Structure formats: C-alpha cells, structure tokens
Amino acid sequence: MTRHIEESMLHDLLEGFLDPAEEREAREHLGKCPVCRGELEKLNELLQHLGSLPLEAKPSRDLWPQIAWRMEG
C-alpha cells in the first residue's frame, strides 16, 4: 500500500471488518505513515465520543405543533 488509506477502510479496520490480509497491509502502512495514523487516531477518538452520547435525545418541549404548522403552510 503506497497511497493513504481510505477513510472507509480505516472505519473497517476499527470495526474489525477487514480480512486478515487487508488488516496486515493496513497496519504495515500505518506503521510507516504518520498521516494515516493521525487520521485513524482522530476517527477512533470520534467514535469513542459518539459512544458516550445518549442513545436518545429528548427535546426540551414538544416540537410537533411547529413542524405540522410548517408542513401545512
């Protein structure tokens, strides 16, 4: 692998979706490429932050009346 790793492949690497040969190739590249390592670290950090968010967010008030009004208007 001579070019940078695509973002989708970095996602797959973090999620464990790569086959063993792809994973080995990606990890070898990451060992030599600070740009891709940095992207992987940022992506991993983002996924960790997303994992800490609540599964459901409730609005502070009922928004349906305003939504319905705008849909009708």
N, C-alpha and C. Protein backbone atom coordinates (compact mmCIF):
# COMPACT_ATOMS: atom_id res chain seq x y z
N MET A 1 0.86 -1.17 0.00
CA MET A 1 0.00 0.00 0.00
C MET A 1 0.90 1.23 0.00
N THR A 2 0.85 2.00 -1.06
CA THR A 2 1.71 3.17 -1.15
C THR A 2 0.94 4.46 -0.93
N ARG A 3 -0.34 4.47 -1.30
CA ARG A 3 -1.16 5.66 -1.08
C ARG A 3 -1.74 5.64 0.33
N HIS A 4 -2.36 6.74 0.70
CA HIS A 4 -3.00 6.80 2.01
C HIS A 4 -4.21 5.87 2.05
N ILE A 5 -4.52 5.42 3.24
CA ILE A 5 -5.66 4.52 3.44
C ILE A 5 -6.95 5.33 3.37
N GLU A 6 -7.92 4.81 2.62
CA GLU A 6 -9.21 5.50 2.50
C GLU A 6 -9.94 5.46 3.85
N GLU A 7 -10.75 6.49 4.07
CA GLU A 7 -11.46 6.60 5.34
C GLU A 7 -12.36 5.39 5.60
N SER A 8 -12.99 4.88 4.57
CA SER A 8 -13.87 3.72 4.76
C SER A 8 -13.08 2.50 5.24
N MET A 9 -11.84 2.38 4.76
CA MET A 9 -11.01 1.25 5.21
C MET A 9 -10.57 1.45 6.65
N LEU A 10 -10.32 2.70 7.05
CA LEU A 10 -9.98 2.97 8.45
C LEU A 10 -11.15 2.60 9.35
N HIS A 11 -12.37 2.93 8.92
CA HIS A 11 -13.57 2.54 9.67
C HIS A 11 -13.62 1.02 9.81
N ASP A 12 -13.44 0.34 8.69
CA ASP A 12 -13.49 -1.12 8.71
C ASP A 12 -12.41 -1.71 9.61
N LEU A 13 -11.24 -1.09 9.62
CA LEU A 13 -10.16 -1.56 10.49
C LEU A 13 -10.57 -1.44 11.95
N LEU A 14 -11.12 -0.29 12.32
CA LEU A 14 -11.54 -0.09 13.71
C LEU A 14 -12.67 -1.02 14.11
N GLU A 15 -13.54 -1.34 13.17
CA GLU A 15 -14.69 -2.19 13.47
C GLU A 15 -14.36 -3.68 13.35
N GLY A 16 -13.15 -4.00 12.86
CA GLY A 16 -12.76 -5.40 12.72
C GLY A 16 -13.35 -6.09 11.51
N PHE A 17 -13.67 -5.32 10.46
CA PHE A 17 -14.32 -5.87 9.27
C PHE A 17 -13.35 -6.27 8.16
N LEU A 18 -12.06 -6.00 8.32
CA LEU A 18 -11.10 -6.34 7.26
C LEU A 18 -10.70 -7.81 7.36
N ASP A 19 -10.43 -8.40 6.21
CA ASP A 19 -9.92 -9.76 6.26
C ASP A 19 -8.46 -9.69 6.73
N PRO A 20 -7.90 -10.79 7.19
CA PRO A 20 -6.56 -10.76 7.78
C PRO A 20 -5.48 -10.14 6.88
N ALA A 21 -5.53 -10.41 5.58
CA ALA A 21 -4.52 -9.86 4.67
C ALA A 21 -4.66 -8.34 4.57
N GLU A 22 -5.91 -7.84 4.46
CA GLU A 22 -6.14 -6.39 4.39
C GLU A 22 -5.70 -5.72 5.69
N GLU A 23 -6.03 -6.34 6.80
CA GLU A 23 -5.65 -5.76 8.08
C GLU A 23 -4.13 -5.69 8.23
N ARG A 24 -3.46 -6.74 7.86
CA ARG A 24 -1.99 -6.76 7.94
C ARG A 24 -1.38 -5.66 7.07
N GLU A 25 -1.90 -5.52 5.84
CA GLU A 25 -1.42 -4.49 4.93
C GLU A 25 -1.67 -3.08 5.49
N ALA A 26 -2.87 -2.89 6.04
CA ALA A 26 -3.21 -1.58 6.61
C ALA A 26 -2.31 -1.26 7.80
N ARG A 27 -2.10 -2.22 8.68
CA ARG A 27 -1.26 -1.98 9.86
C ARG A 27 0.20 -1.73 9.48
N GLU A 28 0.67 -2.41 8.44
CA GLU A 28 2.03 -2.14 7.96
C GLU A 28 2.14 -0.70 7.46
N HIS A 29 1.14 -0.28 6.71
CA HIS A 29 1.12 1.10 6.20
C HIS A 29 1.06 2.09 7.35
N LEU A 30 0.22 1.82 8.33
CA LEU A 30 0.08 2.72 9.48
C LEU A 30 1.40 2.85 10.24
N GLY A 31 2.19 1.81 10.23
CA GLY A 31 3.48 1.86 10.90
C GLY A 31 4.46 2.80 10.22
N LYS A 32 4.22 3.10 8.95
CA LYS A 32 5.13 3.95 8.18
C LYS A 32 4.56 5.33 7.86
N CYS A 33 3.26 5.51 8.03
CA CYS A 33 2.60 6.73 7.55
C CYS A 33 1.98 7.52 8.70
N PRO A 34 2.61 8.63 9.09
CA PRO A 34 2.05 9.43 10.19
C PRO A 34 0.72 10.09 9.83
N VAL A 35 0.49 10.36 8.56
CA VAL A 35 -0.78 10.97 8.14
C VAL A 35 -1.94 10.02 8.41
N CYS A 36 -1.79 8.78 7.96
CA CYS A 36 -2.86 7.80 8.16
C CYS A 36 -3.02 7.44 9.64
N ARG A 37 -1.91 7.37 10.36
CA ARG A 37 -2.00 7.11 11.80
C ARG A 37 -2.80 8.21 12.49
N GLY A 38 -2.53 9.45 12.10
CA GLY A 38 -3.26 10.58 12.68
C GLY A 38 -4.74 10.51 12.36
N GLU A 39 -5.07 10.14 11.12
CA GLU A 39 -6.48 10.02 10.73
C GLU A 39 -7.16 8.90 11.52
N LEU A 40 -6.45 7.79 11.70
CA LEU A 40 -7.01 6.68 12.48
C LEU A 40 -7.24 7.09 13.93
N GLU A 41 -6.31 7.83 14.50
CA GLU A 41 -6.46 8.29 15.89
C GLU A 41 -7.65 9.24 16.01
N LYS A 42 -7.81 10.16 15.06
CA LYS A 42 -8.94 11.10 15.10
C LYS A 42 -10.27 10.36 14.97
N LEU A 43 -10.30 9.40 14.06
CA LEU A 43 -11.52 8.62 13.86
C LEU A 43 -11.86 7.80 15.10
N ASN A 44 -10.86 7.20 15.69
CA ASN A 44 -11.07 6.41 16.91
C ASN A 44 -11.58 7.30 18.04
N GLU A 45 -11.01 8.48 18.16
CA GLU A 45 -11.45 9.44 19.18
C GLU A 45 -12.91 9.84 18.96
N LEU A 46 -13.25 10.12 17.70
CA LEU A 46 -14.62 10.49 17.37
C LEU A 46 -15.60 9.37 17.72
N LEU A 47 -15.24 8.14 17.37
CA LEU A 47 -16.13 7.02 17.67
C LEU A 47 -16.29 6.82 19.18
N GLN A 48 -15.23 7.05 19.93
CA GLN A 48 -15.34 6.94 21.39
C GLN A 48 -16.27 8.00 21.95
N HIS A 49 -16.17 9.23 21.43
CA HIS A 49 -17.07 10.30 21.88
C HIS A 49 -18.51 9.99 21.50
N LEU A 50 -18.71 9.48 20.30
CA LEU A 50 -20.07 9.13 19.88
C LEU A 50 -20.65 8.03 20.76
N GLY A 51 -19.81 7.10 21.16
CA GLY A 51 -20.26 6.01 22.01
C GLY A 51 -20.69 6.47 23.39
N SER A 52 -20.23 7.64 23.80
CA SER A 52 -20.59 8.15 25.12
C SER A 52 -21.87 8.99 25.09
N LEU A 53 -22.40 9.27 23.90
CA LEU A 53 -23.63 10.05 23.80
C LEU A 53 -24.83 9.18 24.17
N PRO A 54 -25.89 9.81 24.68
CA PRO A 54 -27.10 9.03 24.98
C PRO A 54 -27.70 8.48 23.69
N LEU A 55 -28.36 7.34 23.79
CA LEU A 55 -28.96 6.74 22.61
C LEU A 55 -30.14 7.54 22.10
N GLU A 56 -30.76 8.27 22.99
CA GLU A 56 -31.95 9.02 22.64
C GLU A 56 -31.84 10.43 23.19
N ALA A 57 -32.19 11.41 22.39
CA ALA A 57 -32.19 12.79 22.86
C ALA A 57 -33.64 13.30 22.84
N LYS A 58 -34.09 13.79 23.96
CA LYS A 58 -35.46 14.29 24.04
C LYS A 58 -35.42 15.82 24.00
N PRO A 59 -36.23 16.42 23.12
CA PRO A 59 -36.27 17.89 23.07
C PRO A 59 -36.86 18.45 24.37
N SER A 60 -36.53 19.67 24.64
CA SER A 60 -37.00 20.30 25.88
C SER A 60 -38.49 20.61 25.84
N ARG A 61 -39.09 20.57 24.65
CA ARG A 61 -40.54 20.81 24.53
C ARG A 61 -41.06 20.04 23.34
N ASP A 62 -42.36 19.98 23.20
CA ASP A 62 -42.99 19.27 22.09
C ASP A 62 -42.83 20.10 20.82
N LEU A 63 -42.15 19.56 19.85
CA LEU A 63 -41.89 20.30 18.61
C LEU A 63 -42.91 20.02 17.52
N TRP A 64 -43.75 19.00 17.71
CA TRP A 64 -44.67 18.63 16.65
C TRP A 64 -45.60 19.75 16.19
N PRO A 65 -46.19 20.56 17.06
CA PRO A 65 -47.08 21.62 16.57
C PRO A 65 -46.39 22.55 15.57
N GLN A 66 -45.16 22.94 15.82
CA GLN A 66 -44.46 23.82 14.88
C GLN A 66 -44.11 23.09 13.58
N ILE A 67 -43.77 21.83 13.68
CA ILE A 67 -43.45 21.06 12.48
C ILE A 67 -44.70 20.93 11.61
N ALA A 68 -45.81 20.56 12.23
CA ALA A 68 -47.07 20.39 11.49
C ALA A 68 -47.49 21.71 10.85
N TRP A 69 -47.37 22.81 11.58
CA TRP A 69 -47.74 24.12 11.06
C TRP A 69 -46.90 24.45 9.82
N ARG A 70 -45.61 24.18 9.86
CA ARG A 70 -44.75 24.48 8.70
C ARG A 70 -45.04 23.57 7.53
N MET A 71 -45.42 22.33 7.80
CA MET A 71 -45.74 21.41 6.72
C MET A 71 -47.03 21.85 6.01
N GLU A 72 -47.98 22.38 6.77
CA GLU A 72 -49.24 22.83 6.20
C GLU A 72 -49.10 24.13 5.44
N GLY A 73 -48.18 24.98 5.91
CA GLY A 73 -48.03 26.32 5.36
C GLY A 73 -47.29 26.32 4.11
